[in-house]
């Protein structure tokens, strides 16, 4: 008498993948940072909500200003290749629908951040 193995249909593995869809935004862009190119000027403004900002063309010894007017009350974070951003102790959530002024001064690989929320 031969015995044949038959798979047991009781054991089923279900894998769920969560996808967040943002209307009008491609999936590749949903987690992409807002890029600020400082070669376009030392003072710039954006209507993007706070979140992840990536900077390009920050020159050593220069200072920069960024006006952020977000639709959401969130915390801004900043990055640039090879640099460390140093935030003040009171850095926190910006004011919803109001402008927040961020100032940056680059010294070598360090960037000092100052902020004034609520304009």
C-alpha atoms as a PDB file:
ATOM      1  CA  UNK A   1       0.000   0.000   0.000  1.00  0.00           C
ATOM      2  CA  UNK A   2       1.386   3.363  -1.033  1.00  0.00           C
ATOM      3  CA  UNK A   3       0.732   6.546   0.824  1.00  0.00           C
ATOM      4  CA  UNK A   4       0.613   9.803  -1.035  1.00  0.00           C
ATOM      5  CA  UNK A   5       1.167  13.129   0.629  1.00  0.00           C
ATOM      6  CA  UNK A   6      -1.656  15.594   0.081  1.00  0.00           C
ATOM      7  CA  UNK A   7      -1.222  19.189   1.168  1.00  0.00           C
ATOM      8  CA  UNK A   8      -3.416  20.185   4.059  1.00  0.00           C
ATOM      9  CA  UNK A   9      -5.595  23.111   2.941  1.00  0.00           C
ATOM     10  CA  UNK A  10      -5.985  24.298   6.543  1.00  0.00           C
ATOM     11  CA  UNK A  11      -2.530  25.869   6.604  1.00  0.00           C
ATOM     12  CA  UNK A  12      -2.478  28.974   4.441  1.00  0.00           C
ATOM     13  CA  UNK A  13      -0.007  31.800   4.686  1.00  0.00           C
ATOM     14  CA  UNK A  14      -1.421  35.260   4.001  1.00  0.00           C
ATOM     15  CA  UNK A  15       0.946  38.155   3.515  1.00  0.00           C
ATOM     16  CA  UNK A  16      -0.422  41.673   3.718  1.00  0.00           C
ATOM     17  CA  UNK A  17       1.504  44.609   2.383  1.00  0.00           C
ATOM     18  CA  UNK A  18       0.523  48.065   3.540  1.00  0.00           C
ATOM     19  CA  UNK A  19       0.702  50.787   0.928  1.00  0.00           C
ATOM     20  CA  UNK A  20      -0.076  54.403   1.648  1.00  0.00           C
ATOM     21  CA  UNK A  21      -1.496  56.228  -1.343  1.00  0.00           C
ATOM     22  CA  UNK A  22      -1.278  59.998  -1.457  1.00  0.00           C
ATOM     23  CA  UNK A  23      -3.527  61.504  -4.140  1.00  0.00           C
ATOM     24  CA  UNK A  24      -1.497  63.247  -6.831  1.00  0.00           C
ATOM     25  CA  UNK A  25       1.845  61.909  -5.586  1.00  0.00           C
ATOM     26  CA  UNK A  26       3.710  59.051  -7.218  1.00  0.00           C
ATOM     27  CA  UNK A  27       4.705  56.237  -4.867  1.00  0.00           C
ATOM     28  CA  UNK A  28       8.398  56.960  -5.379  1.00  0.00           C
ATOM     29  CA  UNK A  29       7.809  60.563  -4.309  1.00  0.00           C
ATOM     30  CA  UNK A  30       5.682  59.846  -1.241  1.00  0.00           C
ATOM     31  CA  UNK A  31       8.704  59.523   1.057  1.00  0.00           C
ATOM     32  CA  UNK A  32      11.061  61.764  -0.874  1.00  0.00           C
ATOM     33  CA  UNK A  33      12.449  64.802   0.944  1.00  0.00           C
ATOM     34  CA  UNK A  34      11.752  68.353  -0.143  1.00  0.00           C
ATOM     35  CA  UNK A  35      14.968  69.504  -1.825  1.00  0.00           C
ATOM     36  CA  UNK A  36      16.198  73.060  -1.289  1.00  0.00           C
ATOM     37  CA  UNK A  37      18.968  74.135  -3.681  1.00  0.00           C
ATOM     38  CA  UNK A  38      20.836  77.006  -2.024  1.00  0.00           C
ATOM     39  CA  UNK A  39      22.547  77.937  -5.314  1.00  0.00           C
ATOM     40  CA  UNK A  40      19.184  79.557  -6.190  1.00  0.00           C
ATOM     41  CA  UNK A  41      19.506  82.079  -3.354  1.00  0.00           C
ATOM     42  CA  UNK A  42      20.407  82.457   0.322  1.00  0.00           C
ATOM     43  CA  UNK A  43      16.775  83.151   1.296  1.00  0.00           C
ATOM     44  CA  UNK A  44      14.014  80.902   0.020  1.00  0.00           C
ATOM     45  CA  UNK A  45      10.408  80.030   0.838  1.00  0.00           C
ATOM     46  CA  UNK A  46       8.339  76.874   0.506  1.00  0.00           C
ATOM     47  CA  UNK A  47       4.669  76.072   0.984  1.00  0.00           C
ATOM     48  CA  UNK A  48       5.555  72.467   1.830  1.00  0.00           C
ATOM     49  CA  UNK A  49       4.681  71.226   5.279  1.00  0.00           C
ATOM     50  CA  UNK A  50       7.576  70.528   7.568  1.00  0.00           C
ATOM     51  CA  UNK A  51       9.092  67.120   7.348  1.00  0.00           C
ATOM     52  CA  UNK A  52      12.297  65.966   5.715  1.00  0.00           C
ATOM     53  CA  UNK A  53      14.251  68.673   3.879  1.00  0.00           C
ATOM     54  CA  UNK A  54      17.427  67.899   1.938  1.00  0.00           C
ATOM     55  CA  UNK A  55      19.812  70.740   1.152  1.00  0.00           C
ATOM     56  CA  UNK A  56      22.231  71.053  -1.737  1.00  0.00           C
ATOM     57  CA  UNK A  57      24.971  73.612  -2.430  1.00  0.00           C
ATOM     58  CA  UNK A  58      25.477  74.853   1.162  1.00  0.00           C
ATOM     59  CA  UNK A  59      28.766  76.720   1.201  1.00  0.00           C
ATOM     60  CA  UNK A  60      31.061  76.787   4.219  1.00  0.00           C
ATOM     61  CA  UNK A  61      30.822  80.044   6.194  1.00  0.00           C
ATOM     62  CA  UNK A  62      27.525  81.105   4.604  1.00  0.00           C
ATOM     63  CA  UNK A  63      24.175  81.737   6.262  1.00  0.00           C
ATOM     64  CA  UNK A  64      20.763  80.869   4.825  1.00  0.00           C
ATOM     65  CA  UNK A  65      17.100  81.572   5.595  1.00  0.00           C
ATOM     66  CA  UNK A  66      14.156  79.315   4.839  1.00  0.00           C
ATOM     67  CA  UNK A  67      10.524  80.373   5.281  1.00  0.00           C
ATOM     68  CA  UNK A  68       8.271  77.332   5.738  1.00  0.00           C
ATOM     69  CA  UNK A  69       4.505  77.581   5.567  1.00  0.00           C
ATOM     70  CA  UNK A  70       3.039  74.176   6.155  1.00  0.00           C
ATOM     71  CA  UNK A  71      -0.494  72.926   6.118  1.00  0.00           C
ATOM     72  CA  UNK A  72       0.260  70.488   8.926  1.00  0.00           C
ATOM     73  CA  UNK A  73       1.796  71.112  12.332  1.00  0.00           C
ATOM     74  CA  UNK A  74       4.897  68.926  12.157  1.00  0.00           C
ATOM     75  CA  UNK A  75       8.598  69.018  12.987  1.00  0.00           C
ATOM     76  CA  UNK A  76      11.120  70.006  10.319  1.00  0.00           C
ATOM     77  CA  UNK A  77      14.275  67.969   9.928  1.00  0.00           C
ATOM     78  CA  UNK A  78      17.159  68.950   7.701  1.00  0.00           C
ATOM     79  CA  UNK A  79      20.005  67.082   6.082  1.00  0.00           C
ATOM     80  CA  UNK A  80      22.838  67.557   3.636  1.00  0.00           C
ATOM     81  CA  UNK A  81      25.535  65.139   2.561  1.00  0.00           C
ATOM     82  CA  UNK A  82      28.400  64.979   5.063  1.00  0.00           C
ATOM     83  CA  UNK A  83      26.908  67.548   7.450  1.00  0.00           C
ATOM     84  CA  UNK A  84      25.582  67.456  11.005  1.00  0.00           C
ATOM     85  CA  UNK A  85      22.675  69.756  11.897  1.00  0.00           C
ATOM     86  CA  UNK A  86      22.660  71.160  15.442  1.00  0.00           C
ATOM     87  CA  UNK A  87      19.194  72.192  16.642  1.00  0.00           C
ATOM     88  CA  UNK A  88      18.307  74.506  19.535  1.00  0.00           C
ATOM     89  CA  UNK A  89      16.861  72.918  22.674  1.00  0.00           C
ATOM     90  CA  UNK A  90      13.395  74.353  22.030  1.00  0.00           C
ATOM     91  CA  UNK A  91      13.116  73.057  18.438  1.00  0.00           C
ATOM     92  CA  UNK A  92       9.708  71.476  17.967  1.00  0.00           C
ATOM     93  CA  UNK A  93       6.480  71.546  15.990  1.00  0.00           C
ATOM     94  CA  UNK A  94       5.881  74.486  13.671  1.00  0.00           C
ATOM     95  CA  UNK A  95       2.575  76.376  13.745  1.00  0.00           C
ATOM     96  CA  UNK A  96      -0.126  75.078  11.431  1.00  0.00           C
ATOM     97  CA  UNK A  97      -0.740  77.420   8.508  1.00  0.00           C
ATOM     98  CA  UNK A  98       1.789  79.966   9.773  1.00  0.00           C
ATOM     99  CA  UNK A  99       5.255  80.752   8.528  1.00  0.00           C
ATOM    100  CA  UNK A 100       8.259  79.543  10.449  1.00  0.00           C
ATOM    101  CA  UNK A 101      11.618  81.149   9.784  1.00  0.00           C
ATOM    102  CA  UNK A 102      14.614  78.835   9.882  1.00  0.00           C
ATOM    103  CA  UNK A 103      18.142  80.231   9.764  1.00  0.00           C
ATOM    104  CA  UNK A 104      21.228  78.142   9.090  1.00  0.00           C
ATOM    105  CA  UNK A 105      24.941  78.881   9.367  1.00  0.00           C
ATOM    106  CA  UNK A 106      27.424  76.345   8.048  1.00  0.00           C
ATOM    107  CA  UNK A 107      30.809  75.947   9.755  1.00  0.00           C
ATOM    108  CA  UNK A 108      32.716  73.089   8.140  1.00  0.00           C
ATOM    109  CA  UNK A 109      30.657  69.943   8.553  1.00  0.00           C
ATOM    110  CA  UNK A 110      28.333  71.483  11.174  1.00  0.00           C
ATOM    111  CA  UNK A 111      25.219  73.515  10.471  1.00  0.00           C
ATOM    112  CA  UNK A 112      23.741  75.568  13.299  1.00  0.00           C
ATOM    113  CA  UNK A 113      19.936  75.864  13.139  1.00  0.00           C
ATOM    114  CA  UNK A 114      17.820  78.660  14.609  1.00  0.00           C
ATOM    115  CA  UNK A 115      14.058  78.934  14.284  1.00  0.00           C
ATOM    116  CA  UNK A 116      11.268  81.423  14.933  1.00  0.00           C
ATOM    117  CA  UNK A 117       7.770  79.893  14.606  1.00  0.00           C
ATOM    118  CA  UNK A 118       4.367  81.515  14.355  1.00  0.00           C
ATOM    119  CA  UNK A 119       4.565  84.292  11.750  1.00  0.00           C
END
